[in-house]
Amino acid sequence: MTYRGRFAPSPTGPLHFGSLVAAAGSWLCAREAGGQWLVRMEDIDPPREVPGAARAILDALPAFGLVPDGAVLLQSTRGAAYDAAFEQLRAAGHVFPCWCSRADLAASGGLHRDGRCVAPPAEDRPPAWRLHAPDEEIVFADGLQGVQRQNLREVAGDFVIRRVEGYYAYQLACVVDDACQGITEVVRGADLLDSTPRQIHLQRLLGVPTPAYLHLPLACDAEGRKLSKSTGAGALDPADPLPALRRALAFLGLRHDLPAATPAGLLAATSGCFNRNDLARRSSQTDA
């Protein structure tokens, strides 16, 4: 099978340093494998989206030498596929409607572990839909972080796959689209490491392949928080991309001082000596 990797940003703001780290890392892994690198825009959460951010991210990537090997997939166009997956899960009895509030779940630490809703149905609002999480340990070998184990019921509980507003949750959309795009390895930030067992469980229920996983270290701010739009991460300047790309490669523990006049040239040079075993494993602070 041809290797297929992907970069899947959310349009909650412009491209920032943490996103560039993930994009460059996934691109290099795809090139090392002689495979394809795809881009998917995860624009399924309208309340969190910033107008124009999706277009800004897609326009910025080529400036950093990151050109996808195919058309960009927009999750906002994928409603029918998510509907079909949801109906498959519902027909098999894996999901249930839930009207529980945060107060209802407080006694269980904010998690839902009953496999059924403990609140009475509310006639004035639709339910969220949760996937029943079994008392089962999910084990997988991460390509960088090593063997991971998680008891789905204890750590994640019965998790939401369709919200009250009708929007599909990240976990379901991600699984459906990774299968649709034929992704063979997911290379992304370590903040999503604990989401992986939920996605593996969904893949098994839906009968789709489970890709390999590799979780990159996170770029953090001075307070140890993941660098993101919500923590004030600054936008990168596509007009001056080379310095930021060199910093991203250095953050990943890779050669960043190779002679190159353009981002594409730097990525090509780095790809020529890239070995994923050289990737940094620990998240760390950055002033980028």
C-alpha atoms as a PDB file:
ATOM      1  CA  MET A   1       0.000   0.000   0.000  1.00  0.00           C
ATOM      2  CA  THR A   2       1.254   3.472  -0.872  1.00  0.00           C
ATOM      3  CA  TYR A   3       2.131   5.530   2.177  1.00  0.00           C
ATOM      4  CA  ARG A   4      -0.310   8.371   2.782  1.00  0.00           C
ATOM      5  CA  GLY A   5       0.146  10.975   5.494  1.00  0.00           C
ATOM      6  CA  ARG A   6      -1.787  14.146   6.181  1.00  0.00           C
ATOM      7  CA  PHE A   7      -1.861  17.527   7.889  1.00  0.00           C
ATOM      8  CA  ALA A   8      -5.284  18.460   9.244  1.00  0.00           C
ATOM      9  CA  PRO A   9      -5.496  21.959  10.726  1.00  0.00           C
ATOM     10  CA  SER A  10      -8.605  23.611  12.147  1.00  0.00           C
ATOM     11  CA  PRO A  11      -9.486  27.111  10.872  1.00  0.00           C
ATOM     12  CA  THR A  12      -9.498  28.751  14.300  1.00  0.00           C
ATOM     13  CA  GLY A  13      -6.820  31.246  13.277  1.00  0.00           C
ATOM     14  CA  PRO A  14      -3.849  31.670  10.926  1.00  0.00           C
ATOM     15  CA  LEU A  15      -0.948  29.245  10.621  1.00  0.00           C
ATOM     16  CA  HIS A  16       1.242  29.477  13.732  1.00  0.00           C
ATOM     17  CA  PHE A  17       4.518  27.899  14.850  1.00  0.00           C
ATOM     18  CA  GLY A  18       2.968  24.830  16.493  1.00  0.00           C
ATOM     19  CA  SER A  19       1.012  24.065  13.330  1.00  0.00           C
ATOM     20  CA  LEU A  20       4.132  24.478  11.207  1.00  0.00           C
ATOM     21  CA  VAL A  21       5.958  21.940  13.390  1.00  0.00           C
ATOM     22  CA  ALA A  22       3.189  19.398  12.820  1.00  0.00           C
ATOM     23  CA  ALA A  23       2.984  20.131   9.095  1.00  0.00           C
ATOM     24  CA  ALA A  24       6.744  19.868   8.549  1.00  0.00           C
ATOM     25  CA  GLY A  25       7.019  16.708  10.642  1.00  0.00           C
ATOM     26  CA  SER A  26       4.212  14.957   8.783  1.00  0.00           C
ATOM     27  CA  TRP A  27       5.586  16.092   5.393  1.00  0.00           C
ATOM     28  CA  LEU A  28       9.054  14.719   6.176  1.00  0.00           C
ATOM     29  CA  CYS A  29       7.668  11.363   7.330  1.00  0.00           C
ATOM     30  CA  ALA A  30       5.712  11.071   4.082  1.00  0.00           C
ATOM     31  CA  ARG A  31       8.753  11.907   1.985  1.00  0.00           C
ATOM     32  CA  GLU A  32      10.936   9.463   3.928  1.00  0.00           C
ATOM     33  CA  ALA A  33       8.436   6.727   3.048  1.00  0.00           C
ATOM     34  CA  GLY A  34       8.278   7.786  -0.604  1.00  0.00           C
ATOM     35  CA  GLY A  35       4.576   8.417  -0.207  1.00  0.00           C
ATOM     36  CA  GLN A  36       1.956  11.131  -0.450  1.00  0.00           C
ATOM     37  CA  TRP A  37       1.232  14.046   1.860  1.00  0.00           C
ATOM     38  CA  LEU A  38      -2.350  15.315   1.938  1.00  0.00           C
ATOM     39  CA  VAL A  39      -4.077  18.262   3.576  1.00  0.00           C
ATOM     40  CA  ARG A  40      -7.507  18.192   5.195  1.00  0.00           C
ATOM     41  CA  MET A  41      -9.246  21.265   6.576  1.00  0.00           C
ATOM     42  CA  GLU A  42     -11.151  20.317   9.740  1.00  0.00           C
ATOM     43  CA  ASP A  43     -13.849  22.948   9.412  1.00  0.00           C
ATOM     44  CA  ILE A  44     -16.743  21.223  11.180  1.00  0.00           C
ATOM     45  CA  ASP A  45     -17.026  23.493  14.228  1.00  0.00           C
ATOM     46  CA  PRO A  46     -18.468  26.788  12.950  1.00  0.00           C
ATOM     47  CA  PRO A  47     -18.686  28.492  16.391  1.00  0.00           C
ATOM     48  CA  ARG A  48     -14.891  28.169  16.797  1.00  0.00           C
ATOM     49  CA  GLU A  49     -13.897  29.085  13.257  1.00  0.00           C
ATOM     50  CA  VAL A  50     -12.357  32.430  12.365  1.00  0.00           C
ATOM     51  CA  PRO A  51     -13.635  33.854   9.064  1.00  0.00           C
ATOM     52  CA  GLY A  52     -10.946  33.637   6.397  1.00  0.00           C
ATOM     53  CA  ALA A  53      -8.656  31.403   8.487  1.00  0.00           C
ATOM     54  CA  ALA A  54      -9.057  28.308   6.316  1.00  0.00           C
ATOM     55  CA  ARG A  55      -8.104  30.206   3.183  1.00  0.00           C
ATOM     56  CA  ALA A  56      -5.200  31.898   4.980  1.00  0.00           C
ATOM     57  CA  ILE A  57      -3.773  28.556   6.140  1.00  0.00           C
ATOM     58  CA  LEU A  58      -4.087  26.960   2.721  1.00  0.00           C
ATOM     59  CA  ASP A  59      -2.483  29.985   1.066  1.00  0.00           C
ATOM     60  CA  ALA A  60       0.386  30.018   3.596  1.00  0.00           C
ATOM     61  CA  LEU A  61       1.451  26.370   3.320  1.00  0.00           C
ATOM     62  CA  PRO A  62       3.035  26.622  -0.156  1.00  0.00           C
ATOM     63  CA  ALA A  63       5.057  29.629   1.013  1.00  0.00           C
ATOM     64  CA  PHE A  64       6.702  27.266   3.529  1.00  0.00           C
ATOM     65  CA  GLY A  65       7.371  24.678   0.819  1.00  0.00           C
ATOM     66  CA  LEU A  66       4.468  22.481   1.916  1.00  0.00           C
ATOM     67  CA  VAL A  67       2.420  21.590  -1.151  1.00  0.00           C
ATOM     68  CA  PRO A  68      -0.093  18.738  -0.833  1.00  0.00           C
ATOM     69  CA  ASP A  69      -0.066  15.818  -3.248  1.00  0.00           C
ATOM     70  CA  GLY A  70      -3.743  16.115  -4.095  1.00  0.00           C
ATOM     71  CA  ALA A  71      -6.882  18.159  -3.600  1.00  0.00           C
ATOM     72  CA  VAL A  72      -7.595  19.541  -0.141  1.00  0.00           C
ATOM     73  CA  LEU A  73     -10.442  17.757   1.638  1.00  0.00           C
ATOM     74  CA  LEU A  74     -12.889  20.066   3.432  1.00  0.00           C
ATOM     75  CA  GLN A  75     -14.744  18.438   6.291  1.00  0.00           C
ATOM     76  CA  SER A  76     -17.569  20.932   5.819  1.00  0.00           C
ATOM     77  CA  THR A  77     -18.459  19.044   2.616  1.00  0.00           C
ATOM     78  CA  ARG A  78     -18.502  15.621   4.265  1.00  0.00           C
ATOM     79  CA  GLY A  79     -21.820  15.656   6.111  1.00  0.00           C
ATOM     80  CA  ALA A  80     -23.296  12.723   4.199  1.00  0.00           C
ATOM     81  CA  ALA A  81     -20.318  10.509   5.057  1.00  0.00           C
ATOM     82  CA  TYR A  82     -20.599  11.365   8.757  1.00  0.00           C
ATOM     83  CA  ASP A  83     -24.363  10.738   8.649  1.00  0.00           C
ATOM     84  CA  ALA A  84     -23.737   7.286   7.188  1.00  0.00           C
ATOM     85  CA  ALA A  85     -21.155   6.395   9.839  1.00  0.00           C
ATOM     86  CA  PHE A  86     -23.440   7.656  12.600  1.00  0.00           C
ATOM     87  CA  GLU A  87     -26.353   5.584  11.313  1.00  0.00           C
ATOM     88  CA  GLN A  88     -24.109   2.512  11.131  1.00  0.00           C
ATOM     89  CA  LEU A  89     -23.181   2.973  14.788  1.00  0.00           C
ATOM     90  CA  ARG A  90     -26.757   3.647  15.824  1.00  0.00           C
ATOM     91  CA  ALA A  91     -28.125   0.618  13.970  1.00  0.00           C
ATOM     92  CA  ALA A  92     -25.586  -1.559  15.785  1.00  0.00           C
ATOM     93  CA  GLY A  93     -26.579  -0.113  19.178  1.00  0.00           C
ATOM     94  CA  HIS A  94     -23.228   1.526  19.889  1.00  0.00           C
ATOM     95  CA  VAL A  95     -24.593   5.046  20.504  1.00  0.00           C
ATOM     96  CA  PHE A  96     -27.298   6.510  22.699  1.00  0.00           C
ATOM     97  CA  PRO A  97     -28.962   9.914  23.130  1.00  0.00           C
ATOM     98  CA  CYS A  98     -27.885  11.891  26.182  1.00  0.00           C
ATOM     99  CA  TRP A  99     -29.366  14.963  27.880  1.00  0.00           C
ATOM    100  CA  CYS A 100     -26.893  14.953  30.791  1.00  0.00           C
ATOM    101  CA  SER A 101     -25.611  18.344  31.945  1.00  0.00           C
ATOM    102  CA  ARG A 102     -22.211  19.031  33.495  1.00  0.00           C
ATOM    103  CA  ALA A 103     -23.920  18.977  36.899  1.00  0.00           C
ATOM    104  CA  ASP A 104     -25.331  15.514  36.158  1.00  0.00           C
ATOM    105  CA  LEU A 105     -21.821  14.236  35.405  1.00  0.00           C
ATOM    106  CA  ALA A 106     -20.047  15.977  38.295  1.00  0.00           C
ATOM    107  CA  ALA A 107     -20.335  12.945  40.574  1.00  0.00           C
ATOM    108  CA  SER A 108     -18.336  10.854  38.101  1.00  0.00           C
ATOM    109  CA  GLY A 109     -15.597  13.408  37.577  1.00  0.00           C
ATOM    110  CA  GLY A 110     -17.226  14.865  34.476  1.00  0.00           C
ATOM    111  CA  LEU A 111     -17.208  11.556  32.600  1.00  0.00           C
ATOM    112  CA  HIS A 112     -20.145   9.456  31.496  1.00  0.00           C
ATOM    113  CA  ARG A 113     -19.598   5.727  32.119  1.00  0.00           C
ATOM    114  CA  ASP A 114     -23.101   4.247  32.342  1.00  0.00           C
ATOM    115  CA  GLY A 115     -23.763   3.380  28.705  1.00  0.00           C
ATOM    116  CA  ARG A 116     -27.071   5.189  29.022  1.00  0.00           C
ATOM    117  CA  CYS A 117     -28.304   8.669  29.840  1.00  0.00           C
ATOM    118  CA  VAL A 118     -29.028   9.264  33.528  1.00  0.00           C
ATOM    119  CA  ALA A 119     -31.014  12.460  32.937  1.00  0.00           C
ATOM    120  CA  PRO A 120     -34.653  12.555  31.800  1.00  0.00           C
ATOM    121  CA  PRO A 121     -35.263  13.415  28.131  1.00  0.00           C
ATOM    122  CA  ALA A 122     -35.765  17.134  27.548  1.00  0.00           C
ATOM    123  CA  GLU A 123     -38.554  18.061  25.172  1.00  0.00           C
ATOM    124  CA  ASP A 124     -37.194  21.564  24.592  1.00  0.00           C
ATOM    125  CA  ARG A 125     -33.769  20.562  23.226  1.00  0.00           C
ATOM    126  CA  PRO A 126     -32.245  17.721  21.217  1.00  0.00           C
ATOM    127  CA  PRO A 127     -29.792  15.315  22.812  1.00  0.00           C
ATOM    128  CA  ALA A 128     -26.117  14.841  22.266  1.00  0.00           C
ATOM    129  CA  TRP A 129     -25.225  11.358  21.070  1.00  0.00           C
ATOM    130  CA  ARG A 130     -22.574   9.376  22.936  1.00  0.00           C
ATOM    131  CA  LEU A 131     -20.651   6.274  21.987  1.00  0.00           C
ATOM    132  CA  HIS A 132     -20.671   3.622  24.684  1.00  0.00           C
ATOM    133  CA  ALA A 133     -17.084   3.099  25.860  1.00  0.00           C
ATOM    134  CA  PRO A 134     -16.390  -0.492  26.928  1.00  0.00           C
ATOM    135  CA  ASP A 135     -14.298  -1.422  29.945  1.00  0.00           C
ATOM    136  CA  GLU A 136     -11.455  -2.351  27.629  1.00  0.00           C
ATOM    137  CA  GLU A 137      -7.780  -1.480  27.365  1.00  0.00           C
ATOM    138  CA  ILE A 138      -6.742  -0.132  23.986  1.00  0.00           C
ATOM    139  CA  VAL A 139      -3.048  -0.713  23.266  1.00  0.00           C
ATOM    140  CA  PHE A 140      -1.063   0.706  20.372  1.00  0.00           C
ATOM    141  CA  ALA A 141       2.586   1.364  19.574  1.00  0.00           C
ATOM    142  CA  ASP A 142       3.233   5.011  18.796  1.00  0.00           C
ATOM    143  CA  GLY A 143       6.049   5.559  16.322  1.00  0.00           C
ATOM    144  CA  LEU A 144       7.770   8.097  18.566  1.00  0.00           C
ATOM    145  CA  GLN A 145       6.226   7.897  22.042  1.00  0.00           C
ATOM    146  CA  GLY A 146       6.311   4.094  22.380  1.00  0.00           C
ATOM    147  CA  VAL A 147       3.632   1.686  23.596  1.00  0.00           C
ATOM    148  CA  GLN A 148       0.475   3.394  24.851  1.00  0.00           C
ATOM    149  CA  ARG A 149      -2.315   1.873  26.943  1.00  0.00           C
ATOM    150  CA  GLN A 150      -5.662   3.353  27.843  1.00  0.00           C
ATOM    151  CA  ASN A 151      -8.757   1.916  29.463  1.00  0.00           C
ATOM    152  CA  LEU A 152     -11.408   3.554  27.355  1.00  0.00           C
ATOM    153  CA  ARG A 153     -14.179   3.518  29.943  1.00  0.00           C
ATOM    154  CA  GLU A 154     -12.028   4.882  32.765  1.00  0.00           C
ATOM    155  CA  VAL A 155     -10.162   7.578  30.829  1.00  0.00           C
ATOM    156  CA  ALA A 156     -12.585   8.724  28.120  1.00  0.00           C
ATOM    157  CA  GLY A 157     -15.939   7.422  29.273  1.00  0.00           C
ATOM    158  CA  ASP A 158     -18.932   7.414  26.941  1.00  0.00           C
ATOM    159  CA  PHE A 159     -17.791  10.167  24.600  1.00  0.00           C
ATOM    160  CA  VAL A 160     -19.841  12.481  22.406  1.00  0.00           C
ATOM    161  CA  ILE A 161     -19.822  11.839  18.675  1.00  0.00           C
ATOM    162  CA  ARG A 162     -22.646  14.223  17.748  1.00  0.00           C
ATOM    163  CA  ARG A 163     -23.211  17.388  19.693  1.00  0.00           C
ATOM    164  CA  VAL A 164     -26.486  18.972  20.786  1.00  0.00           C
ATOM    165  CA  GLU A 165     -26.155  21.511  17.966  1.00  0.00           C
ATOM    166  CA  GLY A 166     -25.984  18.679  15.427  1.00  0.00           C
ATOM    167  CA  TYR A 167     -22.269  19.077  14.667  1.00  0.00           C
ATOM    168  CA  TYR A 168     -20.265  15.877  14.478  1.00  0.00           C
ATOM    169  CA  ALA A 169     -17.423  15.561  16.951  1.00  0.00           C
ATOM    170  CA  TYR A 170     -13.781  15.513  15.950  1.00  0.00           C
ATOM    171  CA  GLN A 171     -13.325  11.836  16.853  1.00  0.00           C
ATOM    172  CA  LEU A 172     -15.929  10.554  14.377  1.00  0.00           C
ATOM    173  CA  ALA A 173     -15.067  12.954  11.540  1.00  0.00           C
ATOM    174  CA  CYS A 174     -11.352  12.215  11.873  1.00  0.00           C
ATOM    175  CA  VAL A 175     -11.867   8.452  11.669  1.00  0.00           C
ATOM    176  CA  VAL A 176     -14.233   8.666   8.703  1.00  0.00           C
ATOM    177  CA  ASP A 177     -11.927  10.975   6.750  1.00  0.00           C
ATOM    178  CA  ASP A 178      -8.698   9.117   7.509  1.00  0.00           C
ATOM    179  CA  ALA A 179     -10.387   6.036   6.055  1.00  0.00           C
ATOM    180  CA  CYS A 180     -11.721   7.970   3.057  1.00  0.00           C
ATOM    181  CA  GLN A 181      -8.298   9.418   2.252  1.00  0.00           C
ATOM    182  CA  GLY A 182      -6.529   6.086   2.736  1.00  0.00           C
ATOM    183  CA  ILE A 183      -4.236   7.483   5.440  1.00  0.00           C
ATOM    184  CA  THR A 184      -1.638   4.880   6.427  1.00  0.00           C
ATOM    185  CA  GLU A 185       0.116   6.893   9.144  1.00  0.00           C
ATOM    186  CA  VAL A 186      -1.162   9.789  11.237  1.00  0.00           C
ATOM    187  CA  VAL A 187       1.657  12.157  12.243  1.00  0.00           C
ATOM    188  CA  ARG A 188       0.370  14.918  14.533  1.00  0.00           C
ATOM    189  CA  GLY A 189       0.961  16.708  17.833  1.00  0.00           C
ATOM    190  CA  ALA A 190       1.175  14.869  21.144  1.00  0.00           C
ATOM    191  CA  ASP A 191      -1.866  16.764  22.434  1.00  0.00           C
ATOM    192  CA  LEU A 192      -3.930  14.242  20.450  1.00  0.00           C
ATOM    193  CA  LEU A 193      -2.190  11.174  21.873  1.00  0.00           C
ATOM    194  CA  ASP A 194      -5.031  10.454  24.296  1.00  0.00           C
ATOM    195  CA  SER A 195      -7.595  10.746  21.473  1.00  0.00           C
ATOM    196  CA  THR A 196      -6.029   7.854  19.594  1.00  0.00           C
ATOM    197  CA  PRO A 197      -7.625   5.007  21.632  1.00  0.00           C
ATOM    198  CA  ARG A 198     -11.080   6.477  20.976  1.00  0.00           C
ATOM    199  CA  GLN A 199     -10.319   6.640  17.280  1.00  0.00           C
ATOM    200  CA  ILE A 200      -8.987   3.076  17.202  1.00  0.00           C
ATOM    201  CA  HIS A 201     -12.185   1.883  18.907  1.00  0.00           C
ATOM    202  CA  LEU A 202     -14.306   3.741  16.345  1.00  0.00           C
ATOM    203  CA  GLN A 203     -12.261   2.285  13.495  1.00  0.00           C
ATOM    204  CA  ARG A 204     -12.953  -1.207  14.780  1.00  0.00           C
ATOM    205  CA  LEU A 205     -16.681  -0.562  15.134  1.00  0.00           C
ATOM    206  CA  LEU A 206     -16.916   0.936  11.625  1.00  0.00           C
ATOM    207  CA  GLY A 207     -14.755  -1.772  10.057  1.00  0.00           C
ATOM    208  CA  VAL A 208     -12.132   0.587   8.626  1.00  0.00           C
ATOM    209  CA  PRO A 209      -8.325   0.206   8.758  1.00  0.00           C
ATOM    210  CA  THR A 210      -6.305   1.523  11.684  1.00  0.00           C
ATOM    211  CA  PRO A 211      -3.335   3.586  10.488  1.00  0.00           C
ATOM    212  CA  ALA A 212       0.007   3.789  12.254  1.00  0.00           C
ATOM    213  CA  TYR A 213       0.434   6.723  14.636  1.00  0.00           C
ATOM    214  CA  LEU A 214       3.320   9.029  15.467  1.00  0.00           C
ATOM    215  CA  HIS A 215       2.841  11.924  17.869  1.00  0.00           C
ATOM    216  CA  LEU A 216       5.278  14.817  17.653  1.00  0.00           C
ATOM    217  CA  PRO A 217       6.397  16.948  20.606  1.00  0.00           C
ATOM    218  CA  LEU A 218       4.394  20.083  21.318  1.00  0.00           C
ATOM    219  CA  ALA A 219       5.692  23.611  21.127  1.00  0.00           C
ATOM    220  CA  CYS A 220       4.716  25.222  24.443  1.00  0.00           C
ATOM    221  CA  ASP A 221       4.570  28.758  25.760  1.00  0.00           C
ATOM    222  CA  ALA A 222       6.365  30.054  28.864  1.00  0.00           C
ATOM    223  CA  GLU A 223       3.643  28.611  31.101  1.00  0.00           C
ATOM    224  CA  GLY A 224       3.929  25.135  29.591  1.00  0.00           C
ATOM    225  CA  ARG A 225       0.718  25.372  27.599  1.00  0.00           C
ATOM    226  CA  LYS A 226       0.469  24.057  24.051  1.00  0.00           C
ATOM    227  CA  LEU A 227       1.189  26.871  21.612  1.00  0.00           C
ATOM    228  CA  SER A 228      -2.132  27.525  19.883  1.00  0.00           C
ATOM    229  CA  LYS A 229      -4.427  30.265  18.681  1.00  0.00           C
ATOM    230  CA  SER A 230      -6.312  30.133  21.975  1.00  0.00           C
ATOM    231  CA  THR A 231      -3.119  30.827  23.949  1.00  0.00           C
ATOM    232  CA  GLY A 232      -2.142  33.742  21.746  1.00  0.00           C
ATOM    233  CA  ALA A 233       0.260  32.080  19.333  1.00  0.00           C
ATOM    234  CA  GLY A 234       1.297  34.626  16.731  1.00  0.00           C
ATOM    235  CA  ALA A 235       0.683  34.153  13.039  1.00  0.00           C
ATOM    236  CA  LEU A 236       3.657  33.252  10.863  1.00  0.00           C
ATOM    237  CA  ASP A 237       4.695  35.563   8.059  1.00  0.00           C
ATOM    238  CA  PRO A 238       4.402  33.807   4.673  1.00  0.00           C
ATOM    239  CA  ALA A 239       6.410  36.648   3.152  1.00  0.00           C
ATOM    240  CA  ASP A 240       9.455  35.618   5.220  1.00  0.00           C
ATOM    241  CA  PRO A 241       9.050  31.860   5.675  1.00  0.00           C
ATOM    242  CA  LEU A 242      12.619  30.542   5.836  1.00  0.00           C
ATOM    243  CA  PRO A 243      13.500  31.629   9.420  1.00  0.00           C
ATOM    244  CA  ALA A 244      10.309  30.109  10.853  1.00  0.00           C
ATOM    245  CA  LEU A 245      10.837  26.865   8.947  1.00  0.00           C
ATOM    246  CA  ARG A 246      14.410  26.591  10.249  1.00  0.00           C
ATOM    247  CA  ARG A 247      13.106  27.095  13.803  1.00  0.00           C
ATOM    248  CA  ALA A 248      10.479  24.398  13.288  1.00  0.00           C
ATOM    249  CA  LEU A 249      13.065  21.904  12.054  1.00  0.00           C
ATOM    250  CA  ALA A 250      15.360  22.759  14.974  1.00  0.00           C
ATOM    251  CA  PHE A 251      12.471  22.259  17.393  1.00  0.00           C
ATOM    252  CA  LEU A 252      11.961  18.782  15.924  1.00  0.00           C
ATOM    253  CA  GLY A 253      15.617  17.982  16.543  1.00  0.00           C
ATOM    254  CA  LEU A 254      16.457  17.944  12.841  1.00  0.00           C
ATOM    255  CA  ARG A 255      19.102  19.566  10.658  1.00  0.00           C
ATOM    256  CA  HIS A 256      18.037  23.153  10.137  1.00  0.00           C
ATOM    257  CA  ASP A 257      21.316  24.755   9.094  1.00  0.00           C
ATOM    258  CA  LEU A 258      21.579  23.188   5.653  1.00  0.00           C
ATOM    259  CA  PRO A 259      22.240  25.677   2.845  1.00  0.00           C
ATOM    260  CA  ALA A 260      19.032  26.609   1.060  1.00  0.00           C
ATOM    261  CA  ALA A 261      17.642  29.740  -0.537  1.00  0.00           C
ATOM    262  CA  THR A 262      13.991  28.731  -0.335  1.00  0.00           C
ATOM    263  CA  PRO A 263      11.739  26.753   2.027  1.00  0.00           C
ATOM    264  CA  ALA A 264      11.231  24.090  -0.644  1.00  0.00           C
ATOM    265  CA  GLY A 265      15.002  23.793  -0.994  1.00  0.00           C
ATOM    266  CA  LEU A 266      15.458  23.502   2.770  1.00  0.00           C
ATOM    267  CA  LEU A 267      12.791  20.813   3.054  1.00  0.00           C
ATOM    268  CA  ALA A 268      14.354  18.886   0.180  1.00  0.00           C
ATOM    269  CA  ALA A 269      17.778  19.087   1.810  1.00  0.00           C
ATOM    270  CA  THR A 270      16.410  18.030   5.197  1.00  0.00           C
ATOM    271  CA  SER A 271      14.461  15.204   3.598  1.00  0.00           C
ATOM    272  CA  GLY A 272      17.680  13.877   2.102  1.00  0.00           C
ATOM    273  CA  CYS A 273      19.144  13.225   5.554  1.00  0.00           C
ATOM    274  CA  PHE A 274      15.926  12.740   7.526  1.00  0.00           C
ATOM    275  CA  ASN A 275      15.538   9.825   9.904  1.00  0.00           C
ATOM    276  CA  ARG A 276      12.450   9.701  12.081  1.00  0.00           C
ATOM    277  CA  ASN A 277      14.533   8.197  14.877  1.00  0.00           C
ATOM    278  CA  ASP A 278      16.187  11.614  15.177  1.00  0.00           C
ATOM    279  CA  LEU A 279      12.902  13.363  16.003  1.00  0.00           C
ATOM    280  CA  ALA A 280      12.686  15.014  19.403  1.00  0.00           C
ATOM    281  CA  ARG A 281      10.262  13.253  21.729  1.00  0.00           C
ATOM    282  CA  ARG A 282       9.626  15.722  24.522  1.00  0.00           C
ATOM    283  CA  SER A 283       7.458  18.808  24.269  1.00  0.00           C
ATOM    284  CA  SER A 284       9.313  21.971  25.180  1.00  0.00           C
ATOM    285  CA  GLN A 285       9.062  25.718  25.480  1.00  0.00           C
ATOM    286  CA  THR A 286       9.623  27.928  22.484  1.00  0.00           C
ATOM    287  CA  ASP A 287       9.756  31.662  22.047  1.00  0.00           C
ATOM    288  CA  ALA A 288       8.604  31.405  18.415  1.00  0.00           C
END
